Amino acid sequence: MAQLVAFRQQTEWTVQQIQQSSNTTLTQHQQQNEQLTAALNQAQAAIKQKDQQIDGLTQRLKGVRVNPNEATVQKPDGEIVRLPGNGLAYINLGVGDHVAVGMTFKVFDRFTGVPSLGADGTRETDMPVGKGELEIIKIGPGFSECRIIAKEPGISLVQGDLVVNLVYDRTQKYSFVVYGDFDLDGDGRTSPGDAEVIRRLITQWGGNVVNEVNVNTDFVVMGREPKVDAKPPADNAVEQAAYQRAMAELDKYLEVRKQAMAMNIPILNQNRFLNFVGYTSQAGR
């Protein structure tokens, strides 16, 4: 009986120790949980505040960003001041206006003005129609001599017609993201080298080429959307690998477009971009 009493007392003491330890651990966990909950609430509040700040900045950004349907883009860079014949035209941009030999311009009618980029710059329909295209061959004080490199059939260029190059601006530099593969010669096959031609045109005509879409991006020029064939059988490892690569390329392409749309950045496909810089007729050279 004495041994039983001693055993019972020892057991009760052990149980009390376990209960005390459990209560201590439970209290610590509850305190940690309260701390984590408080930290989570703080983080959520901070995220909400940041989201509000981002929304505010986005709205402000929309007020200053180039809008594809407003006069910022539709403002001409210059105009034709003289047409001496022999396929030549003179424009009112010259020394000091940051133009360069080889720069091309799209010509638009002086009365109808410059069209907008369009709500969807990736569409091949509803392309802006101009009167022709010019290429600078000589630069002088206050003027440049240009060669008429293209002209719409049955339409004549006249003094006062407007000239536009989307990249060029005599007062500032626009930033461009060039993404995807392009087909400048129209043979139906895209080439990474053609994207370099687009980038070269931008830098050559005074723009900046940046690698990613951000708040400082003014335009996004996108190549052809990657094509993904039907999903191959699961047991064909080679075709499965090619399919996964194609899907990854498509996902990246769509993500770039999504980012640009979220920031209200004008998006242009190859043909619309070349059209607005007056380079359409020379795209394949």
C-alpha atoms as a PDB file:
ATOM      1  CA  MET A   1       0.000   0.000   0.000  1.00  0.00           C
ATOM      2  CA  ALA A   2       2.855   2.319   0.808  1.00  0.00           C
ATOM      3  CA  GLN A   3       4.437   1.567  -2.558  1.00  0.00           C
ATOM      4  CA  LEU A   4       1.083   2.168  -4.308  1.00  0.00           C
ATOM      5  CA  VAL A   5       0.634   5.519  -2.587  1.00  0.00           C
ATOM      6  CA  ALA A   6       4.177   6.519  -3.525  1.00  0.00           C
ATOM      7  CA  PHE A   7       3.624   5.446  -7.130  1.00  0.00           C
ATOM      8  CA  ARG A   8       0.368   7.382  -7.292  1.00  0.00           C
ATOM      9  CA  GLN A   9       2.000  10.515  -5.908  1.00  0.00           C
ATOM     10  CA  GLN A  10       4.846  10.212  -8.391  1.00  0.00           C
ATOM     11  CA  THR A  11       2.390   9.731 -11.245  1.00  0.00           C
ATOM     12  CA  GLU A  12       0.323  12.746 -10.195  1.00  0.00           C
ATOM     13  CA  TRP A  13       3.444  14.870  -9.959  1.00  0.00           C
ATOM     14  CA  THR A  14       4.522  13.720 -13.412  1.00  0.00           C
ATOM     15  CA  VAL A  15       1.099  14.502 -14.854  1.00  0.00           C
ATOM     16  CA  GLN A  16       1.225  17.972 -13.256  1.00  0.00           C
ATOM     17  CA  GLN A  17       4.628  18.585 -14.816  1.00  0.00           C
ATOM     18  CA  ILE A  18       3.353  17.495 -18.202  1.00  0.00           C
ATOM     19  CA  GLN A  19       0.278  19.710 -17.852  1.00  0.00           C
ATOM     20  CA  GLN A  20       2.380  22.689 -16.803  1.00  0.00           C
ATOM     21  CA  SER A  21       4.742  22.132 -19.713  1.00  0.00           C
ATOM     22  CA  SER A  22       1.831  21.771 -22.109  1.00  0.00           C
ATOM     23  CA  ASN A  23       0.175  24.917 -20.792  1.00  0.00           C
ATOM     24  CA  THR A  24       3.437  26.822 -21.130  1.00  0.00           C
ATOM     25  CA  THR A  25       3.910  25.580 -24.675  1.00  0.00           C
ATOM     26  CA  LEU A  26       0.291  26.346 -25.547  1.00  0.00           C
ATOM     27  CA  THR A  27       0.658  29.863 -24.118  1.00  0.00           C
ATOM     28  CA  GLN A  28       3.820  30.407 -26.143  1.00  0.00           C
ATOM     29  CA  HIS A  29       2.106  29.198 -29.315  1.00  0.00           C
ATOM     30  CA  GLN A  30      -0.883  31.424 -28.634  1.00  0.00           C
ATOM     31  CA  GLN A  31       1.410  34.401 -28.139  1.00  0.00           C
ATOM     32  CA  GLN A  32       3.292  33.553 -31.330  1.00  0.00           C
ATOM     33  CA  ASN A  33      -0.006  33.176 -33.168  1.00  0.00           C
ATOM     34  CA  GLU A  34      -1.161  36.567 -31.887  1.00  0.00           C
ATOM     35  CA  GLN A  35       2.135  38.107 -32.980  1.00  0.00           C
ATOM     36  CA  LEU A  36       1.862  36.510 -36.419  1.00  0.00           C
ATOM     37  CA  THR A  37      -1.752  37.649 -36.713  1.00  0.00           C
ATOM     38  CA  ALA A  38      -0.745  41.185 -35.820  1.00  0.00           C
ATOM     39  CA  ALA A  39       2.124  41.060 -38.304  1.00  0.00           C
ATOM     40  CA  LEU A  40      -0.225  39.707 -40.980  1.00  0.00           C
ATOM     41  CA  ASN A  41      -2.730  42.474 -40.304  1.00  0.00           C
ATOM     42  CA  GLN A  42       0.062  45.038 -40.568  1.00  0.00           C
ATOM     43  CA  ALA A  43       1.266  43.499 -43.821  1.00  0.00           C
ATOM     44  CA  GLN A  44      -2.246  43.460 -45.266  1.00  0.00           C
ATOM     45  CA  ALA A  45      -2.743  47.076 -44.249  1.00  0.00           C
ATOM     46  CA  ALA A  46       0.591  47.997 -45.847  1.00  0.00           C
ATOM     47  CA  ILE A  47      -0.341  46.107 -49.037  1.00  0.00           C
ATOM     48  CA  LYS A  48      -3.695  47.884 -49.154  1.00  0.00           C
ATOM     49  CA  GLN A  49      -1.957  51.221 -48.719  1.00  0.00           C
ATOM     50  CA  LYS A  50       0.555  50.362 -51.451  1.00  0.00           C
ATOM     51  CA  ASP A  51      -2.263  49.242 -53.751  1.00  0.00           C
ATOM     52  CA  GLN A  52      -3.986  52.574 -53.188  1.00  0.00           C
ATOM     53  CA  GLN A  53      -0.731  54.392 -53.929  1.00  0.00           C
ATOM     54  CA  ILE A  54      -0.233  52.308 -57.079  1.00  0.00           C
ATOM     55  CA  ASP A  55      -3.789  53.056 -58.214  1.00  0.00           C
ATOM     56  CA  GLY A  56      -3.204  56.742 -57.614  1.00  0.00           C
ATOM     57  CA  LEU A  57       0.100  56.708 -59.463  1.00  0.00           C
ATOM     58  CA  THR A  58      -1.441  54.711 -62.310  1.00  0.00           C
ATOM     59  CA  GLN A  59      -4.165  57.314 -62.700  1.00  0.00           C
ATOM     60  CA  ARG A  60      -1.576  60.090 -62.667  1.00  0.00           C
ATOM     61  CA  LEU A  61       0.536  58.137 -65.139  1.00  0.00           C
ATOM     62  CA  LYS A  62      -2.406  57.824 -67.499  1.00  0.00           C
ATOM     63  CA  GLY A  63      -2.630  61.583 -67.444  1.00  0.00           C
ATOM     64  CA  VAL A  64       0.920  62.036 -68.718  1.00  0.00           C
ATOM     65  CA  ARG A  65       1.533  58.881 -70.738  1.00  0.00           C
ATOM     66  CA  VAL A  66       1.337  58.839 -74.500  1.00  0.00           C
ATOM     67  CA  ASN A  67      -2.249  57.951 -75.346  1.00  0.00           C
ATOM     68  CA  PRO A  68      -2.814  56.099 -78.633  1.00  0.00           C
ATOM     69  CA  ASN A  69      -6.069  57.943 -79.286  1.00  0.00           C
ATOM     70  CA  GLU A  70      -5.145  61.490 -78.309  1.00  0.00           C
ATOM     71  CA  ALA A  71      -3.324  64.381 -79.897  1.00  0.00           C
ATOM     72  CA  THR A  72       0.067  63.617 -78.312  1.00  0.00           C
ATOM     73  CA  VAL A  73       0.646  60.908 -80.877  1.00  0.00           C
ATOM     74  CA  GLN A  74      -1.331  62.689 -83.564  1.00  0.00           C
ATOM     75  CA  LYS A  75       0.864  65.780 -83.341  1.00  0.00           C
ATOM     76  CA  PRO A  76       2.927  66.007 -86.544  1.00  0.00           C
ATOM     77  CA  ASP A  77       6.704  66.318 -86.407  1.00  0.00           C
ATOM     78  CA  GLY A  78       6.857  68.720 -89.325  1.00  0.00           C
ATOM     79  CA  GLU A  79       5.450  69.513 -92.740  1.00  0.00           C
ATOM     80  CA  ILE A  80       6.364  69.661 -96.387  1.00  0.00           C
ATOM     81  CA  VAL A  81       7.483  73.168 -97.324  1.00  0.00           C
ATOM     82  CA  ARG A  82       8.489  72.668-100.956  1.00  0.00           C
ATOM     83  CA  LEU A  83       8.053  70.161-103.789  1.00  0.00           C
ATOM     84  CA  PRO A  84      10.552  70.971-106.557  1.00  0.00           C
ATOM     85  CA  GLY A  85       9.812  67.839-108.563  1.00  0.00           C
ATOM     86  CA  ASN A  86      12.113  64.984-109.607  1.00  0.00           C
ATOM     87  CA  GLY A  87      10.837  62.893-106.710  1.00  0.00           C
ATOM     88  CA  LEU A  88      12.094  65.348-104.079  1.00  0.00           C
ATOM     89  CA  ALA A  89      10.421  67.123-101.163  1.00  0.00           C
ATOM     90  CA  TYR A  90      11.654  69.574 -98.539  1.00  0.00           C
ATOM     91  CA  ILE A  91      10.473  69.505 -94.920  1.00  0.00           C
ATOM     92  CA  ASN A  92      10.868  72.094 -92.163  1.00  0.00           C
ATOM     93  CA  LEU A  93      13.223  69.992 -90.011  1.00  0.00           C
ATOM     94  CA  GLY A  94      16.942  70.542 -90.279  1.00  0.00           C
ATOM     95  CA  VAL A  95      20.174  71.183 -88.434  1.00  0.00           C
ATOM     96  CA  GLY A  96      19.469  71.398 -84.703  1.00  0.00           C
ATOM     97  CA  ASP A  97      16.266  69.366 -84.897  1.00  0.00           C
ATOM     98  CA  HIS A  98      18.048  66.039 -84.242  1.00  0.00           C
ATOM     99  CA  VAL A  99      17.148  64.537 -87.597  1.00  0.00           C
ATOM    100  CA  ALA A 100      19.560  62.258 -89.479  1.00  0.00           C
ATOM    101  CA  VAL A 101      20.195  61.203 -93.042  1.00  0.00           C
ATOM    102  CA  GLY A 102      18.209  58.036 -93.747  1.00  0.00           C
ATOM    103  CA  MET A 103      15.386  58.933 -91.363  1.00  0.00           C
ATOM    104  CA  THR A 104      11.982  58.236 -92.856  1.00  0.00           C
ATOM    105  CA  PHE A 105       8.639  59.949 -92.338  1.00  0.00           C
ATOM    106  CA  LYS A 106       5.046  59.065 -93.123  1.00  0.00           C
ATOM    107  CA  VAL A 107       3.120  61.774 -94.954  1.00  0.00           C
ATOM    108  CA  PHE A 108      -0.481  62.597 -93.980  1.00  0.00           C
ATOM    109  CA  ASP A 109      -2.925  65.044 -95.478  1.00  0.00           C
ATOM    110  CA  ARG A 110      -2.775  68.523 -93.947  1.00  0.00           C
ATOM    111  CA  PHE A 111      -6.553  68.719 -93.628  1.00  0.00           C
ATOM    112  CA  THR A 112      -7.419  65.253 -92.296  1.00  0.00           C
ATOM    113  CA  GLY A 113      -4.397  65.211 -89.971  1.00  0.00           C
ATOM    114  CA  VAL A 114      -2.563  62.315 -88.349  1.00  0.00           C
ATOM    115  CA  PRO A 115      -4.708  59.301 -87.385  1.00  0.00           C
ATOM    116  CA  SER A 116      -4.553  57.654 -83.972  1.00  0.00           C
ATOM    117  CA  LEU A 117      -2.591  54.491 -83.332  1.00  0.00           C
ATOM    118  CA  GLY A 118      -5.856  52.639 -82.879  1.00  0.00           C
ATOM    119  CA  ALA A 119      -7.424  50.985 -79.860  1.00  0.00           C
ATOM    120  CA  ASP A 120      -5.755  47.674 -80.705  1.00  0.00           C
ATOM    121  CA  GLY A 121      -2.306  48.247 -82.142  1.00  0.00           C
ATOM    122  CA  THR A 122      -1.824  44.554 -82.930  1.00  0.00           C
ATOM    123  CA  ARG A 123      -4.622  44.392 -85.516  1.00  0.00           C
ATOM    124  CA  GLU A 124      -3.709  44.169 -89.166  1.00  0.00           C
ATOM    125  CA  THR A 125      -6.983  45.769 -90.184  1.00  0.00           C
ATOM    126  CA  ASP A 126      -7.764  49.488 -90.026  1.00  0.00           C
ATOM    127  CA  MET A 127      -4.160  50.392 -90.727  1.00  0.00           C
ATOM    128  CA  PRO A 128      -3.559  54.154 -90.892  1.00  0.00           C
ATOM    129  CA  VAL A 129      -3.524  55.333 -94.493  1.00  0.00           C
ATOM    130  CA  GLY A 130      -1.130  58.106 -95.436  1.00  0.00           C
ATOM    131  CA  LYS A 131      -0.232  59.820 -98.686  1.00  0.00           C
ATOM    132  CA  GLY A 132       3.340  58.599 -98.977  1.00  0.00           C
ATOM    133  CA  GLU A 133       6.743  58.217 -97.360  1.00  0.00           C
ATOM    134  CA  LEU A 134       9.876  60.363 -97.348  1.00  0.00           C
ATOM    135  CA  GLU A 135      13.534  59.631 -96.632  1.00  0.00           C
ATOM    136  CA  ILE A 136      15.981  62.377 -95.644  1.00  0.00           C
ATOM    137  CA  ILE A 137      18.975  62.545 -97.989  1.00  0.00           C
ATOM    138  CA  LYS A 138      20.435  65.934 -97.067  1.00  0.00           C
ATOM    139  CA  ILE A 139      20.130  68.185 -94.012  1.00  0.00           C
ATOM    140  CA  GLY A 140      20.394  71.963 -94.075  1.00  0.00           C
ATOM    141  CA  PRO A 141      19.680  74.902 -91.741  1.00  0.00           C
ATOM    142  CA  GLY A 142      15.961  74.743 -91.000  1.00  0.00           C
ATOM    143  CA  PHE A 143      15.152  72.236 -93.743  1.00  0.00           C
ATOM    144  CA  SER A 144      15.919  68.748 -95.018  1.00  0.00           C
ATOM    145  CA  GLU A 145      15.887  67.485 -98.567  1.00  0.00           C
ATOM    146  CA  CYS A 146      13.980  64.227 -98.858  1.00  0.00           C
ATOM    147  CA  ARG A 147      13.472  61.568-101.470  1.00  0.00           C
ATOM    148  CA  ILE A 148       9.871  60.460-102.016  1.00  0.00           C
ATOM    149  CA  ILE A 149      10.182  56.711-101.523  1.00  0.00           C
ATOM    150  CA  ALA A 150       6.488  55.820-101.695  1.00  0.00           C
ATOM    151  CA  LYS A 151       3.248  57.446-102.759  1.00  0.00           C
ATOM    152  CA  GLU A 152      -0.344  56.266-102.776  1.00  0.00           C
ATOM    153  CA  PRO A 153      -1.647  55.754-106.330  1.00  0.00           C
ATOM    154  CA  GLY A 154      -3.611  58.707-107.642  1.00  0.00           C
ATOM    155  CA  ILE A 155      -2.700  60.943-104.705  1.00  0.00           C
ATOM    156  CA  SER A 156      -0.346  63.920-104.891  1.00  0.00           C
ATOM    157  CA  LEU A 157       1.770  65.341-102.114  1.00  0.00           C
ATOM    158  CA  VAL A 158       1.254  69.068-101.598  1.00  0.00           C
ATOM    159  CA  GLN A 159       2.891  71.829 -99.613  1.00  0.00           C
ATOM    160  CA  GLY A 160       1.661  71.792 -96.030  1.00  0.00           C
ATOM    161  CA  ASP A 161       1.175  68.009 -95.809  1.00  0.00           C
ATOM    162  CA  LEU A 162       2.187  66.648 -92.416  1.00  0.00           C
ATOM    163  CA  VAL A 163       5.151  64.347 -91.741  1.00  0.00           C
ATOM    164  CA  VAL A 164       5.374  61.943 -88.817  1.00  0.00           C
ATOM    165  CA  ASN A 165       7.886  59.489 -87.382  1.00  0.00           C
ATOM    166  CA  LEU A 166       6.604  57.779 -84.231  1.00  0.00           C
ATOM    167  CA  VAL A 167      10.091  57.383 -82.763  1.00  0.00           C
ATOM    168  CA  TYR A 168      11.265  60.902 -83.479  1.00  0.00           C
ATOM    169  CA  ASP A 169      10.582  63.877 -81.241  1.00  0.00           C
ATOM    170  CA  ARG A 170      12.713  66.990 -81.283  1.00  0.00           C
ATOM    171  CA  THR A 171      12.161  67.658 -77.550  1.00  0.00           C
ATOM    172  CA  GLN A 172      12.333  64.250 -75.843  1.00  0.00           C
ATOM    173  CA  LYS A 173      13.310  60.594 -76.174  1.00  0.00           C
ATOM    174  CA  TYR A 174      10.668  57.883 -76.135  1.00  0.00           C
ATOM    175  CA  SER A 175      11.413  54.488 -74.610  1.00  0.00           C
ATOM    176  CA  PHE A 176      10.440  51.340 -76.518  1.00  0.00           C
ATOM    177  CA  VAL A 177      10.248  47.670 -75.612  1.00  0.00           C
ATOM    178  CA  VAL A 178      10.701  45.418 -78.655  1.00  0.00           C
ATOM    179  CA  TYR A 179       9.505  41.895 -77.948  1.00  0.00           C
ATOM    180  CA  GLY A 180       9.101  38.772 -80.066  1.00  0.00           C
ATOM    181  CA  ASP A 181      10.124  37.713 -83.551  1.00  0.00           C
ATOM    182  CA  PHE A 182       9.435  39.753 -86.686  1.00  0.00           C
ATOM    183  CA  ASP A 183       9.057  39.101 -90.413  1.00  0.00           C
ATOM    184  CA  LEU A 184      10.280  42.207 -92.227  1.00  0.00           C
ATOM    185  CA  ASP A 185      10.591  40.690 -95.686  1.00  0.00           C
ATOM    186  CA  GLY A 186       7.108  39.165 -95.589  1.00  0.00           C
ATOM    187  CA  ASP A 187       8.176  35.627 -96.460  1.00  0.00           C
ATOM    188  CA  GLY A 188       6.087  34.146 -93.662  1.00  0.00           C
ATOM    189  CA  ARG A 189       9.093  33.218 -91.514  1.00  0.00           C
ATOM    190  CA  THR A 190      10.042  35.197 -88.422  1.00  0.00           C
ATOM    191  CA  SER A 191      13.662  35.948 -87.624  1.00  0.00           C
ATOM    192  CA  PRO A 192      15.337  37.176 -84.399  1.00  0.00           C
ATOM    193  CA  GLY A 193      17.554  39.325 -86.619  1.00  0.00           C
ATOM    194  CA  ASP A 194      14.536  41.315 -87.779  1.00  0.00           C
ATOM    195  CA  ALA A 195      13.899  42.375 -84.178  1.00  0.00           C
ATOM    196  CA  GLU A 196      17.402  43.853 -84.176  1.00  0.00           C
ATOM    197  CA  VAL A 197      16.469  45.896 -87.248  1.00  0.00           C
ATOM    198  CA  ILE A 198      13.501  47.346 -85.331  1.00  0.00           C
ATOM    199  CA  ARG A 199      15.751  48.167 -82.371  1.00  0.00           C
ATOM    200  CA  ARG A 200      18.336  49.760 -84.650  1.00  0.00           C
ATOM    201  CA  LEU A 201      15.707  51.972 -86.256  1.00  0.00           C
ATOM    202  CA  ILE A 202      14.548  53.152 -82.841  1.00  0.00           C
ATOM    203  CA  THR A 203      18.004  54.035 -81.546  1.00  0.00           C
ATOM    204  CA  GLN A 204      19.055  55.474 -84.894  1.00  0.00           C
ATOM    205  CA  TRP A 205      16.089  57.845 -84.891  1.00  0.00           C
ATOM    206  CA  GLY A 206      16.518  59.078 -81.325  1.00  0.00           C
ATOM    207  CA  GLY A 207      14.550  56.617 -79.197  1.00  0.00           C
ATOM    208  CA  ASN A 208      15.625  54.380 -76.329  1.00  0.00           C
ATOM    209  CA  VAL A 209      15.255  50.601 -76.334  1.00  0.00           C
ATOM    210  CA  VAL A 210      14.621  49.064 -72.904  1.00  0.00           C
ATOM    211  CA  ASN A 211      14.442  45.401 -71.966  1.00  0.00           C
ATOM    212  CA  GLU A 212      11.300  45.260 -69.849  1.00  0.00           C
ATOM    213  CA  VAL A 213       7.927  46.917 -69.531  1.00  0.00           C
ATOM    214  CA  ASN A 214       7.775  49.409 -66.667  1.00  0.00           C
ATOM    215  CA  VAL A 215       6.352  52.811 -65.812  1.00  0.00           C
ATOM    216  CA  ASN A 216       8.991  54.516 -67.954  1.00  0.00           C
ATOM    217  CA  THR A 217       8.055  52.651 -71.137  1.00  0.00           C
ATOM    218  CA  ASP A 218       6.287  54.739 -73.793  1.00  0.00           C
ATOM    219  CA  PHE A 219       5.611  52.143 -76.516  1.00  0.00           C
ATOM    220  CA  VAL A 220       5.727  48.355 -76.885  1.00  0.00           C
ATOM    221  CA  VAL A 221       6.402  46.922 -80.350  1.00  0.00           C
ATOM    222  CA  MET A 222       5.407  43.257 -80.485  1.00  0.00           C
ATOM    223  CA  GLY A 223       6.311  40.640 -83.032  1.00  0.00           C
ATOM    224  CA  ARG A 224       4.105  37.849 -84.251  1.00  0.00           C
ATOM    225  CA  GLU A 225       2.267  35.888 -81.568  1.00  0.00           C
ATOM    226  CA  PRO A 226       3.943  32.472 -81.101  1.00  0.00           C
ATOM    227  CA  LYS A 227       1.994  29.555 -82.524  1.00  0.00           C
ATOM    228  CA  VAL A 228       1.370  26.441 -80.457  1.00  0.00           C
ATOM    229  CA  ASP A 229       0.425  23.214 -82.198  1.00  0.00           C
ATOM    230  CA  ALA A 230      -2.003  20.707 -80.734  1.00  0.00           C
ATOM    231  CA  LYS A 231      -0.773  18.932 -77.612  1.00  0.00           C
ATOM    232  CA  PRO A 232       1.110  15.776 -78.638  1.00  0.00           C
ATOM    233  CA  PRO A 233       0.683  12.318 -77.052  1.00  0.00           C
ATOM    234  CA  ALA A 234       2.159  11.999 -73.565  1.00  0.00           C
ATOM    235  CA  ASP A 235       4.466   9.157 -74.618  1.00  0.00           C
ATOM    236  CA  ASN A 236       6.230  11.295 -77.265  1.00  0.00           C
ATOM    237  CA  ALA A 237       8.984  12.954 -75.232  1.00  0.00           C
ATOM    238  CA  VAL A 238      10.479  14.959 -78.105  1.00  0.00           C
ATOM    239  CA  GLU A 239       7.196  16.507 -79.211  1.00  0.00           C
ATOM    240  CA  GLN A 240       6.178  17.070 -75.585  1.00  0.00           C
ATOM    241  CA  ALA A 241       9.389  19.043 -74.959  1.00  0.00           C
ATOM    242  CA  ALA A 242       8.801  21.160 -78.082  1.00  0.00           C
ATOM    243  CA  TYR A 243       5.203  21.737 -77.030  1.00  0.00           C
ATOM    244  CA  GLN A 244       6.271  22.897 -73.548  1.00  0.00           C
ATOM    245  CA  ARG A 245       8.816  25.322 -75.057  1.00  0.00           C
ATOM    246  CA  ALA A 246       6.167  26.745 -77.387  1.00  0.00           C
ATOM    247  CA  MET A 247       3.734  27.164 -74.501  1.00  0.00           C
ATOM    248  CA  ALA A 248       6.397  28.936 -72.420  1.00  0.00           C
ATOM    249  CA  GLU A 249       7.113  31.342 -75.298  1.00  0.00           C
ATOM    250  CA  LEU A 250       3.401  32.063 -75.707  1.00  0.00           C
ATOM    251  CA  ASP A 251       3.000  32.664 -71.967  1.00  0.00           C
ATOM    252  CA  LYS A 252       5.880  35.173 -71.994  1.00  0.00           C
ATOM    253  CA  TYR A 253       4.433  36.936 -75.022  1.00  0.00           C
ATOM    254  CA  LEU A 254       0.994  37.230 -73.435  1.00  0.00           C
ATOM    255  CA  GLU A 255       2.507  38.408 -70.144  1.00  0.00           C
ATOM    256  CA  VAL A 256       4.358  41.270 -71.867  1.00  0.00           C
ATOM    257  CA  ARG A 257       1.148  42.321 -73.599  1.00  0.00           C
ATOM    258  CA  LYS A 258      -0.782  42.070 -70.332  1.00  0.00           C
ATOM    259  CA  GLN A 259       1.758  44.266 -68.521  1.00  0.00           C
ATOM    260  CA  ALA A 260       1.622  46.909 -71.244  1.00  0.00           C
ATOM    261  CA  MET A 261      -2.180  46.955 -71.230  1.00  0.00           C
ATOM    262  CA  ALA A 262      -2.265  47.221 -67.424  1.00  0.00           C
ATOM    263  CA  MET A 263      -0.030  50.315 -67.604  1.00  0.00           C
ATOM    264  CA  ASN A 264      -1.947  51.824 -70.537  1.00  0.00           C
ATOM    265  CA  ILE A 265       1.143  51.655 -72.762  1.00  0.00           C
ATOM    266  CA  PRO A 266       0.404  51.768 -76.512  1.00  0.00           C
ATOM    267  CA  ILE A 267       1.105  48.423 -78.208  1.00  0.00           C
ATOM    268  CA  LEU A 268       1.967  48.202 -81.896  1.00  0.00           C
ATOM    269  CA  ASN A 269       2.581  45.259 -84.160  1.00  0.00           C
ATOM    270  CA  GLN A 270       5.371  45.295 -86.731  1.00  0.00           C
ATOM    271  CA  ASN A 271       3.344  46.723 -89.619  1.00  0.00           C
ATOM    272  CA  ARG A 272       1.664  49.456 -87.612  1.00  0.00           C
ATOM    273  CA  PHE A 273       5.017  50.531 -86.163  1.00  0.00           C
ATOM    274  CA  LEU A 274       6.715  50.596 -89.571  1.00  0.00           C
ATOM    275  CA  ASN A 275       3.740  52.469 -91.007  1.00  0.00           C
ATOM    276  CA  PHE A 276       3.973  55.222 -88.404  1.00  0.00           C
ATOM    277  CA  VAL A 277       7.688  55.713 -88.941  1.00  0.00           C
ATOM    278  CA  GLY A 278       7.382  55.878 -92.728  1.00  0.00           C
ATOM    279  CA  TYR A 279       9.467  52.762 -93.263  1.00  0.00           C
ATOM    280  CA  THR A 280       6.885  50.374 -94.712  1.00  0.00           C
ATOM    281  CA  SER A 281       8.171  50.427 -98.276  1.00  0.00           C
ATOM    282  CA  GLN A 282      11.745  49.774 -97.108  1.00  0.00           C
ATOM    283  CA  ALA A 283      10.992  47.156 -94.463  1.00  0.00           C
ATOM    284  CA  GLY A 284      12.581  44.358 -96.433  1.00  0.00           C
ATOM    285  CA  ARG A 285      15.868  46.008 -97.231  1.00  0.00           C
END
